[in-house]
Amino acid sequence: MRLSYHYLDIGDLDGYGSLFTADAVLHFPEMAPIRGRCAIEAFRAAQSPREHTLQSVTVTHGEVVIIGVIAAIGPNGGSTNTAFVDSFTLSDYGLITAQKTDFGSGENSRAVG
């Protein structure tokens, strides 16, 4: 899972997509589920540059929960920090079959720069 954030942070969407099954589903707040590896890659490609800082990783059989902070980098170089929780479900081969993202609010989010 750590590798998925690294790929997103450096903009390697092929690498990122390779971690998902072909029929994976991404659940993102206030959006219909994004279905399929190609659609997930396209969704991520449309997002602004960001940097993930992981604070906690919890692993159980077939599931991983990660808590962290995303710094979304704006065009002027400033960033907005947002707390997140990602829940992953894995296939028997360790690929991501589902990811659900939730964001913190208020105190956990702040603009920087």
C-alpha atoms as a PDB file:
ATOM      1  CA  MET A   1       0.000   0.000   0.000  1.00  0.00           C
ATOM      2  CA  ARG A   2       2.887   2.350   0.750  1.00  0.00           C
ATOM      3  CA  LEU A   3       3.988   1.890  -2.849  1.00  0.00           C
ATOM      4  CA  SER A   4       0.589   3.135  -4.103  1.00  0.00           C
ATOM      5  CA  TYR A   5       1.158   6.494  -2.396  1.00  0.00           C
ATOM      6  CA  HIS A   6       4.715   6.690  -3.690  1.00  0.00           C
ATOM      7  CA  TYR A   7       3.477   6.112  -7.244  1.00  0.00           C
ATOM      8  CA  LEU A   8       0.799   8.796  -6.824  1.00  0.00           C
ATOM      9  CA  ASP A   9       3.282  11.266  -5.358  1.00  0.00           C
ATOM     10  CA  ILE A  10       5.747  10.868  -8.250  1.00  0.00           C
ATOM     11  CA  GLY A  11       2.997  10.750 -10.897  1.00  0.00           C
ATOM     12  CA  ASP A  12       3.616   7.132 -12.016  1.00  0.00           C
ATOM     13  CA  LEU A  13       0.041   6.205 -12.881  1.00  0.00           C
ATOM     14  CA  ASP A  14       1.047   3.015 -14.712  1.00  0.00           C
ATOM     15  CA  GLY A  15       2.816   1.811 -11.582  1.00  0.00           C
ATOM     16  CA  TYR A  16      -0.139   2.895  -9.447  1.00  0.00           C
ATOM     17  CA  GLY A  17      -2.613   1.100 -11.697  1.00  0.00           C
ATOM     18  CA  SER A  18      -0.531  -2.085 -11.663  1.00  0.00           C
ATOM     19  CA  LEU A  19      -1.400  -2.490  -7.966  1.00  0.00           C
ATOM     20  CA  PHE A  20      -5.142  -2.883  -8.754  1.00  0.00           C
ATOM     21  CA  THR A  21      -7.126  -5.783 -10.171  1.00  0.00           C
ATOM     22  CA  ALA A  22      -8.711  -5.080 -13.556  1.00  0.00           C
ATOM     23  CA  ASP A  23     -12.169  -4.851 -11.951  1.00  0.00           C
ATOM     24  CA  ALA A  24     -11.169  -2.891  -8.824  1.00  0.00           C
ATOM     25  CA  VAL A  25     -13.496  -0.268  -7.352  1.00  0.00           C
ATOM     26  CA  LEU A  26     -12.495   3.099  -5.858  1.00  0.00           C
ATOM     27  CA  HIS A  27     -14.966   4.696  -3.444  1.00  0.00           C
ATOM     28  CA  PHE A  28     -14.221   8.411  -3.168  1.00  0.00           C
ATOM     29  CA  PRO A  29     -16.283  10.884  -1.111  1.00  0.00           C
ATOM     30  CA  GLU A  30     -19.289  12.434  -2.844  1.00  0.00           C
ATOM     31  CA  MET A  31     -18.728  10.471  -6.067  1.00  0.00           C
ATOM     32  CA  ALA A  32     -20.224   7.408  -7.682  1.00  0.00           C
ATOM     33  CA  PRO A  33     -17.910   4.395  -7.391  1.00  0.00           C
ATOM     34  CA  ILE A  34     -15.089   4.435  -9.938  1.00  0.00           C
ATOM     35  CA  ARG A  35     -14.936   0.973 -11.486  1.00  0.00           C
ATOM     36  CA  GLY A  36     -11.981  -0.633 -13.231  1.00  0.00           C
ATOM     37  CA  ARG A  37      -8.229  -0.075 -13.254  1.00  0.00           C
ATOM     38  CA  CYS A  38      -8.312   2.223 -16.311  1.00  0.00           C
ATOM     39  CA  ALA A  39     -11.039   4.453 -14.837  1.00  0.00           C
ATOM     40  CA  ILE A  40      -9.140   4.657 -11.526  1.00  0.00           C
ATOM     41  CA  GLU A  41      -5.942   5.687 -13.345  1.00  0.00           C
ATOM     42  CA  ALA A  42      -7.853   8.331 -15.334  1.00  0.00           C
ATOM     43  CA  PHE A  43      -9.433   9.701 -12.154  1.00  0.00           C
ATOM     44  CA  ARG A  44      -6.039   9.985 -10.453  1.00  0.00           C
ATOM     45  CA  ALA A  45      -4.488  11.598 -13.555  1.00  0.00           C
ATOM     46  CA  ALA A  46      -7.067  14.410 -13.351  1.00  0.00           C
ATOM     47  CA  GLN A  47      -6.148  15.274  -9.748  1.00  0.00           C
ATOM     48  CA  SER A  48      -3.755  18.063  -8.827  1.00  0.00           C
ATOM     49  CA  PRO A  49      -0.257  17.113  -7.617  1.00  0.00           C
ATOM     50  CA  ARG A  50      -0.200  15.891  -4.036  1.00  0.00           C
ATOM     51  CA  GLU A  51       2.044  14.446  -1.402  1.00  0.00           C
ATOM     52  CA  HIS A  52       0.986  11.795   1.101  1.00  0.00           C
ATOM     53  CA  THR A  53       2.325  11.451   4.646  1.00  0.00           C
ATOM     54  CA  LEU A  54       1.341   8.178   6.282  1.00  0.00           C
ATOM     55  CA  GLN A  55       0.780   8.215  10.025  1.00  0.00           C
ATOM     56  CA  SER A  56      -0.635   4.752  10.709  1.00  0.00           C
ATOM     57  CA  VAL A  57      -0.849   1.471   8.797  1.00  0.00           C
ATOM     58  CA  THR A  58      -3.010  -1.372  10.151  1.00  0.00           C
ATOM     59  CA  VAL A  59      -2.946  -4.735   8.400  1.00  0.00           C
ATOM     60  CA  THR A  60      -5.317  -7.651   8.905  1.00  0.00           C
ATOM     61  CA  HIS A  61      -5.927 -10.619   6.626  1.00  0.00           C
ATOM     62  CA  GLY A  62      -6.970  -9.168   3.279  1.00  0.00           C
ATOM     63  CA  GLU A  63      -7.464  -5.610   4.553  1.00  0.00           C
ATOM     64  CA  VAL A  64      -5.280  -2.582   5.149  1.00  0.00           C
ATOM     65  CA  VAL A  65      -6.303   0.703   6.795  1.00  0.00           C
ATOM     66  CA  ILE A  66      -4.042   3.727   6.395  1.00  0.00           C
ATOM     67  CA  ILE A  67      -4.381   7.064   8.185  1.00  0.00           C
ATOM     68  CA  GLY A  68      -2.424  10.052   6.966  1.00  0.00           C
ATOM     69  CA  VAL A  69      -2.346  13.564   5.575  1.00  0.00           C
ATOM     70  CA  ILE A  70      -2.491  14.683   1.952  1.00  0.00           C
ATOM     71  CA  ALA A  71      -0.803  17.926   0.949  1.00  0.00           C
ATOM     72  CA  ALA A  72      -2.513  19.064  -2.270  1.00  0.00           C
ATOM     73  CA  ILE A  73      -0.097  21.379  -4.045  1.00  0.00           C
ATOM     74  CA  GLY A  74      -1.640  24.427  -5.716  1.00  0.00           C
ATOM     75  CA  PRO A  75      -0.401  26.263  -8.815  1.00  0.00           C
ATOM     76  CA  ASN A  76       1.201  28.999  -6.666  1.00  0.00           C
ATOM     77  CA  GLY A  77       3.234  26.431  -4.715  1.00  0.00           C
ATOM     78  CA  GLY A  78       1.084  26.577  -1.584  1.00  0.00           C
ATOM     79  CA  SER A  79      -0.577  23.467  -0.240  1.00  0.00           C
ATOM     80  CA  THR A  80      -3.717  22.411   1.571  1.00  0.00           C
ATOM     81  CA  ASN A  81      -3.327  19.622   4.104  1.00  0.00           C
ATOM     82  CA  THR A  82      -6.220  17.194   4.567  1.00  0.00           C
ATOM     83  CA  ALA A  83      -6.428  14.207   6.897  1.00  0.00           C
ATOM     84  CA  PHE A  84      -7.510  10.963   5.236  1.00  0.00           C
ATOM     85  CA  VAL A  85      -8.362   7.363   6.015  1.00  0.00           C
ATOM     86  CA  ASP A  86      -8.007   4.785   3.247  1.00  0.00           C
ATOM     87  CA  SER A  87      -9.403   1.272   3.606  1.00  0.00           C
ATOM     88  CA  PHE A  88      -8.110  -1.311   1.124  1.00  0.00           C
ATOM     89  CA  THR A  89      -9.407  -4.794   0.349  1.00  0.00           C
ATOM     90  CA  LEU A  90      -6.873  -7.131  -1.237  1.00  0.00           C
ATOM     91  CA  SER A  91      -7.141 -10.109  -3.561  1.00  0.00           C
ATOM     92  CA  ASP A  92      -5.570 -13.452  -2.671  1.00  0.00           C
ATOM     93  CA  TYR A  93      -2.574 -12.294  -4.752  1.00  0.00           C
ATOM     94  CA  GLY A  94      -2.132  -9.017  -2.868  1.00  0.00           C
ATOM     95  CA  LEU A  95      -3.639  -6.712  -5.512  1.00  0.00           C
ATOM     96  CA  ILE A  96      -6.134  -4.026  -4.525  1.00  0.00           C
ATOM     97  CA  THR A  97      -9.741  -5.000  -5.265  1.00  0.00           C
ATOM     98  CA  ALA A  98     -11.338  -2.022  -3.489  1.00  0.00           C
ATOM     99  CA  GLN A  99     -10.264   1.245  -1.920  1.00  0.00           C
ATOM    100  CA  LYS A 100     -12.479   3.538   0.144  1.00  0.00           C
ATOM    101  CA  THR A 101     -11.274   7.023   1.011  1.00  0.00           C
ATOM    102  CA  ASP A 102     -12.659   9.286   3.732  1.00  0.00           C
ATOM    103  CA  PHE A 103     -11.393  12.762   4.609  1.00  0.00           C
ATOM    104  CA  GLY A 104     -11.059  14.594   7.904  1.00  0.00           C
ATOM    105  CA  SER A 105     -12.643  17.988   8.371  1.00  0.00           C
ATOM    106  CA  GLY A 106     -12.141  21.295  10.112  1.00  0.00           C
ATOM    107  CA  GLU A 107      -9.280  20.893  12.578  1.00  0.00           C
ATOM    108  CA  ASN A 108      -7.550  18.238  10.476  1.00  0.00           C
ATOM    109  CA  SER A 109      -7.440  20.365   7.319  1.00  0.00           C
ATOM    110  CA  ARG A 110      -5.516  23.575   6.844  1.00  0.00           C
ATOM    111  CA  ALA A 111      -4.038  25.720   4.124  1.00  0.00           C
ATOM    112  CA  VAL A 112      -0.291  26.242   4.098  1.00  0.00           C
ATOM    113  CA  GLY A 113       1.718  28.799   2.110  1.00  0.00           C
END
